[in-house]
Amino acid sequence: MANLASATKSSRRDTNRTSGKPSKPKLRCAVYTRKSSDEGLEQSFNSLHAQRDACEAYVASQKHEGWVLLSGAYDDGGLSGGSMERPALLRLLDDIRSGLIDIVVVYKVDRLTRSLADFAKLTELFDQHGTSFVSVTQHFNTSTSMGRLTLNVLLSFAQFEREVAGERIRDKIALSKRRGMWMGGLPPLGYDSVDKKLIVNEREAETVRYIYEQYLNIGSIAELKQTRA
């Protein structure tokens, strides 16, 4: 009887092994990070590292779902989210087209793009190649219709924020110019830039006055150039 009971237990263990749930397929995860400015990138631990750490921790938490972190780094430092011309992003898209990536993981939606038009193109590409998109801080997944809707709303605000920031910068530059401030670049001949103001350079100014006087006398720029050659 003891041998029979032992054999029965052994048989149950074998049955459990063979009839257990099949293991989930491996889902290859690529982490993409981006920072708009170069500020702080020289630090040993910067914003790109912080984004990557958070994304890697999230991928690790989904190990039971078959998520596996890919070793390649896709990091764009000092590049705007308003443009698709980013080296790491282009490399990421190439790998998606090659069938190497199942899930793209980002810290926030706007790390991937701040443009609704670009996001529509990316979503289409993801769909074509069966790739999902996940934001670890906003908990969205483009594999669901609700996730797509929410992401579009978020990107609308991200694009709005970028456009408003651009308007603020343009307004500030225009106001500075009206106040007589020099906004950068090589000062024109006859001036020096000092504390964001154009100050007359007397030595160069003499040359400028002479050129204007000669032009008034000669009346031709071509002839004036020949006399100065």
Protein backbone atom coordinates (compact mmCIF):
# COMPACT_ATOMS: atom_id res chain seq x y z
CA MET A 1 0.00 0.00 0.00
CA ALA A 2 2.83 2.35 0.86
CA ASN A 3 4.42 1.69 -2.51
CA LEU A 4 1.07 2.32 -4.23
CA ALA A 5 0.57 5.64 -2.40
CA SER A 6 4.09 6.71 -3.29
CA ALA A 7 3.54 5.77 -6.90
CA THR A 8 0.25 7.71 -6.95
CA LYS A 9 1.90 10.89 -5.58
CA SER A 10 4.69 10.55 -8.11
CA SER A 11 2.15 10.13 -10.89
CA ARG A 12 0.31 13.29 -9.77
CA ARG A 13 3.54 15.28 -9.75
CA ASP A 14 4.33 14.10 -13.26
CA THR A 15 0.79 14.96 -14.37
CA ASN A 16 1.09 18.46 -12.89
CA ARG A 17 4.34 18.96 -14.74
CA THR A 18 2.88 17.92 -18.08
CA SER A 19 -0.55 19.51 -17.67
CA GLY A 20 0.64 22.80 -16.19
CA LYS A 21 0.02 26.11 -17.98
CA PRO A 22 2.37 26.68 -20.91
CA SER A 23 5.05 29.29 -20.31
CA LYS A 24 4.29 32.74 -21.74
CA PRO A 25 6.10 33.72 -24.94
CA LYS A 26 9.07 36.01 -24.47
CA LEU A 27 8.35 39.67 -25.20
CA ARG A 28 11.48 41.60 -26.13
CA CYS A 29 11.47 45.06 -24.54
CA ALA A 30 13.49 48.06 -25.74
CA VAL A 31 13.89 51.09 -23.47
CA TYR A 32 13.96 54.51 -25.17
CA THR A 33 15.10 57.65 -23.31
CA ARG A 34 15.35 61.30 -24.36
CA LYS A 35 16.32 64.68 -22.90
CA SER A 36 15.69 67.92 -24.77
CA SER A 37 18.77 69.83 -23.58
CA ASP A 38 22.42 68.99 -23.01
CA GLU A 39 22.28 70.40 -19.49
CA GLY A 40 23.43 67.87 -16.89
CA LEU A 41 24.29 65.13 -19.39
CA GLU A 42 27.95 65.32 -18.36
CA GLN A 43 27.03 64.08 -14.87
CA SER A 44 27.76 60.47 -13.92
CA PHE A 45 24.04 59.95 -13.23
CA ASN A 46 21.79 62.12 -15.37
CA SER A 47 18.19 62.26 -16.55
CA LEU A 48 18.72 59.56 -19.18
CA HIS A 49 20.05 57.19 -16.52
CA ALA A 50 17.08 57.94 -14.25
CA GLN A 51 14.62 57.26 -17.07
CA ARG A 52 16.38 54.02 -17.97
CA ASP A 53 16.46 52.79 -14.36
CA ALA A 54 12.70 53.35 -13.98
CA CYS A 55 11.96 51.59 -17.28
CA GLU A 56 14.22 48.64 -16.51
CA ALA A 57 12.58 48.22 -13.09
CA TYR A 58 9.16 48.19 -14.75
CA VAL A 59 10.26 45.57 -17.29
CA ALA A 60 11.62 43.45 -14.42
CA SER A 61 8.24 43.72 -12.65
CA GLN A 62 6.57 42.23 -15.73
CA LYS A 63 8.87 39.22 -15.90
CA HIS A 64 5.92 36.94 -15.09
CA GLU A 65 4.30 38.17 -18.31
CA GLY A 66 7.32 37.09 -20.31
CA TRP A 67 8.92 40.53 -20.63
CA VAL A 68 12.65 40.40 -21.37
CA LEU A 69 14.91 43.48 -21.47
CA LEU A 70 17.03 43.90 -24.59
CA SER A 71 20.63 44.92 -23.97
CA GLY A 72 20.84 47.68 -26.60
CA ALA A 73 20.60 51.31 -25.44
CA TYR A 74 18.41 53.80 -27.28
CA ASP A 75 19.31 57.15 -25.70
CA ASP A 76 18.89 60.60 -27.32
CA GLY A 77 20.46 63.39 -25.27
CA GLY A 78 20.04 67.05 -26.16
CA LEU A 79 17.40 66.44 -28.85
CA SER A 80 13.88 67.85 -29.17
CA GLY A 81 10.80 65.67 -29.12
CA GLY A 82 9.36 67.78 -31.93
CA SER A 83 11.61 66.12 -34.51
CA MET A 84 11.89 62.51 -35.62
CA GLU A 85 15.50 63.01 -36.77
CA ARG A 86 17.09 61.49 -33.68
CA PRO A 87 19.86 58.87 -34.04
CA ALA A 88 18.66 56.52 -31.28
CA LEU A 89 15.01 56.81 -32.34
CA LEU A 90 15.87 56.04 -35.97
CA ARG A 91 17.88 53.01 -34.82
CA LEU A 92 14.95 51.89 -32.66
CA LEU A 93 12.56 52.13 -35.62
CA ASP A 94 14.96 50.18 -37.82
CA ASP A 95 15.08 47.40 -35.21
CA ILE A 96 11.28 47.36 -35.04
CA ARG A 97 11.10 46.99 -38.82
CA SER A 98 13.58 44.12 -38.54
CA GLY A 99 11.27 42.33 -36.09
CA LEU A 100 13.67 42.60 -33.15
CA ILE A 101 11.37 44.43 -30.69
CA ASP A 102 7.97 43.50 -29.23
CA ILE A 103 7.48 46.34 -26.72
CA VAL A 104 8.86 49.90 -26.61
CA VAL A 105 9.12 51.16 -23.03
CA VAL A 106 9.46 54.86 -22.14
CA TYR A 107 9.40 56.86 -18.91
CA LYS A 108 6.74 59.28 -20.22
CA VAL A 109 4.83 59.54 -23.49
CA ASP A 110 6.51 62.80 -24.51
CA ARG A 111 9.95 61.16 -24.33
CA LEU A 112 9.05 59.39 -27.58
CA THR A 113 7.50 62.40 -29.33
CA ARG A 114 5.66 65.64 -28.62
CA SER A 115 4.02 65.76 -32.05
CA LEU A 116 0.58 64.28 -32.70
CA ALA A 117 1.40 63.84 -36.39
CA ASP A 118 4.61 61.97 -35.59
CA PHE A 119 2.85 59.85 -32.98
CA ALA A 120 0.27 58.78 -35.58
CA LYS A 121 3.11 57.65 -37.86
CA LEU A 122 4.81 55.77 -35.02
CA THR A 123 1.57 54.06 -34.00
CA GLU A 124 1.02 52.93 -37.58
CA LEU A 125 4.56 51.52 -37.71
CA PHE A 126 4.09 49.75 -34.36
CA ASP A 127 0.84 48.20 -35.59
CA GLN A 128 2.44 46.99 -38.81
CA HIS A 129 5.09 45.10 -36.88
CA GLY A 130 3.03 43.99 -33.87
CA THR A 131 4.91 46.26 -31.44
CA SER A 132 3.29 47.71 -28.31
CA PHE A 133 4.16 51.02 -26.63
CA VAL A 134 4.22 51.41 -22.84
CA SER A 135 4.72 54.45 -20.59
CA VAL A 136 5.83 53.33 -17.13
CA THR A 137 4.73 56.47 -15.25
CA GLN A 138 1.38 56.83 -17.00
CA HIS A 139 0.51 53.14 -17.30
CA PHE A 140 -0.66 53.18 -20.91
CA ASN A 141 -0.44 50.52 -23.54
CA THR A 142 -1.25 51.09 -27.21
CA SER A 143 -2.51 47.54 -27.57
CA THR A 144 -5.89 48.71 -26.18
CA SER A 145 -8.33 51.23 -27.69
CA MET A 146 -8.62 53.08 -24.36
CA GLY A 147 -4.85 53.27 -24.16
CA ARG A 148 -4.71 54.81 -27.64
CA LEU A 149 -7.36 57.39 -26.78
CA THR A 150 -5.64 58.43 -23.56
CA LEU A 151 -2.26 58.65 -25.27
CA ASN A 152 -3.70 60.92 -27.96
CA VAL A 153 -5.11 63.22 -25.29
CA LEU A 154 -1.76 63.32 -23.50
CA LEU A 155 0.09 64.05 -26.72
CA SER A 156 -2.34 66.87 -27.51
CA PHE A 157 -1.29 68.51 -24.25
CA ALA A 158 2.39 67.77 -24.91
CA GLN A 159 2.19 69.42 -28.34
CA PHE A 160 0.29 72.37 -26.85
CA GLU A 161 2.99 72.77 -24.18
CA ARG A 162 5.75 72.73 -26.81
CA GLU A 163 3.98 75.33 -28.96
CA VAL A 164 3.30 77.61 -25.98
CA ALA A 165 6.95 77.35 -24.93
CA GLY A 166 7.99 78.32 -28.47
CA GLU A 167 5.66 81.32 -28.40
CA ARG A 168 7.09 82.44 -25.05
CA ILE A 169 10.63 82.26 -26.44
CA ARG A 170 9.68 84.24 -29.57
CA ASP A 171 7.90 86.88 -27.47
CA LYS A 172 10.92 87.21 -25.19
CA ILE A 173 13.29 87.64 -28.13
CA ALA A 174 11.01 90.25 -29.75
CA LEU A 175 10.74 92.20 -26.47
CA SER A 176 14.51 92.07 -25.96
CA LYS A 177 15.07 93.44 -29.47
CA ARG A 178 12.63 96.29 -28.84
CA ARG A 179 14.67 97.16 -25.76
CA GLY A 180 17.79 97.38 -27.89
CA MET A 181 19.36 94.15 -26.66
CA TRP A 182 21.64 92.18 -28.99
CA MET A 183 20.31 88.63 -29.23
CA GLY A 184 23.47 86.87 -30.30
CA GLY A 185 25.49 86.21 -33.41
CA LEU A 186 28.36 88.16 -34.95
CA PRO A 187 27.92 91.92 -34.37
CA PRO A 188 27.78 94.05 -37.54
CA LEU A 189 30.92 95.88 -38.62
CA GLY A 190 31.36 98.99 -36.50
CA TYR A 191 29.89 97.52 -33.32
CA ASP A 192 30.91 95.33 -30.39
CA SER A 193 28.54 93.27 -28.25
CA VAL A 194 28.88 94.22 -24.56
CA ASP A 195 26.40 92.95 -21.96
CA LYS A 196 23.87 92.14 -24.71
CA LYS A 197 24.07 95.67 -26.11
CA LEU A 198 25.71 96.94 -29.30
CA ILE A 199 28.43 99.47 -28.54
CA VAL A 200 30.08 101.51 -31.31
CA ASN A 201 33.62 100.38 -32.14
CA GLU A 202 35.18 103.70 -33.15
CA ARG A 203 38.00 102.16 -35.16
CA GLU A 204 35.66 100.01 -37.24
CA ALA A 205 33.09 102.82 -37.41
CA GLU A 206 35.64 104.98 -39.25
CA THR A 207 35.90 102.29 -41.93
CA VAL A 208 32.12 102.05 -42.20
CA ARG A 209 31.75 105.83 -42.60
CA TYR A 210 34.48 105.88 -45.25
CA ILE A 211 32.75 103.11 -47.23
CA TYR A 212 29.42 104.98 -47.17
CA GLU A 213 31.09 108.25 -48.21
CA GLN A 214 32.83 106.54 -51.13
CA TYR A 215 29.60 104.90 -52.24
CA LEU A 216 27.83 108.28 -52.25
CA ASN A 217 30.63 109.71 -54.40
CA ILE A 218 30.93 106.77 -56.82
CA GLY A 219 27.30 105.63 -56.90
CA SER A 220 28.15 102.03 -57.72
CA ILE A 221 28.79 99.10 -55.40
CA ALA A 222 30.72 97.21 -58.11
CA GLU A 223 33.10 100.14 -58.71
CA LEU A 224 33.44 100.67 -54.97
CA LYS A 225 34.50 97.03 -54.56
CA GLN A 226 37.13 97.50 -57.29
CA THR A 227 38.58 100.53 -55.53
CA ARG A 228 38.77 98.57 -52.28
CA ALA A 229 40.34 95.46 -53.89
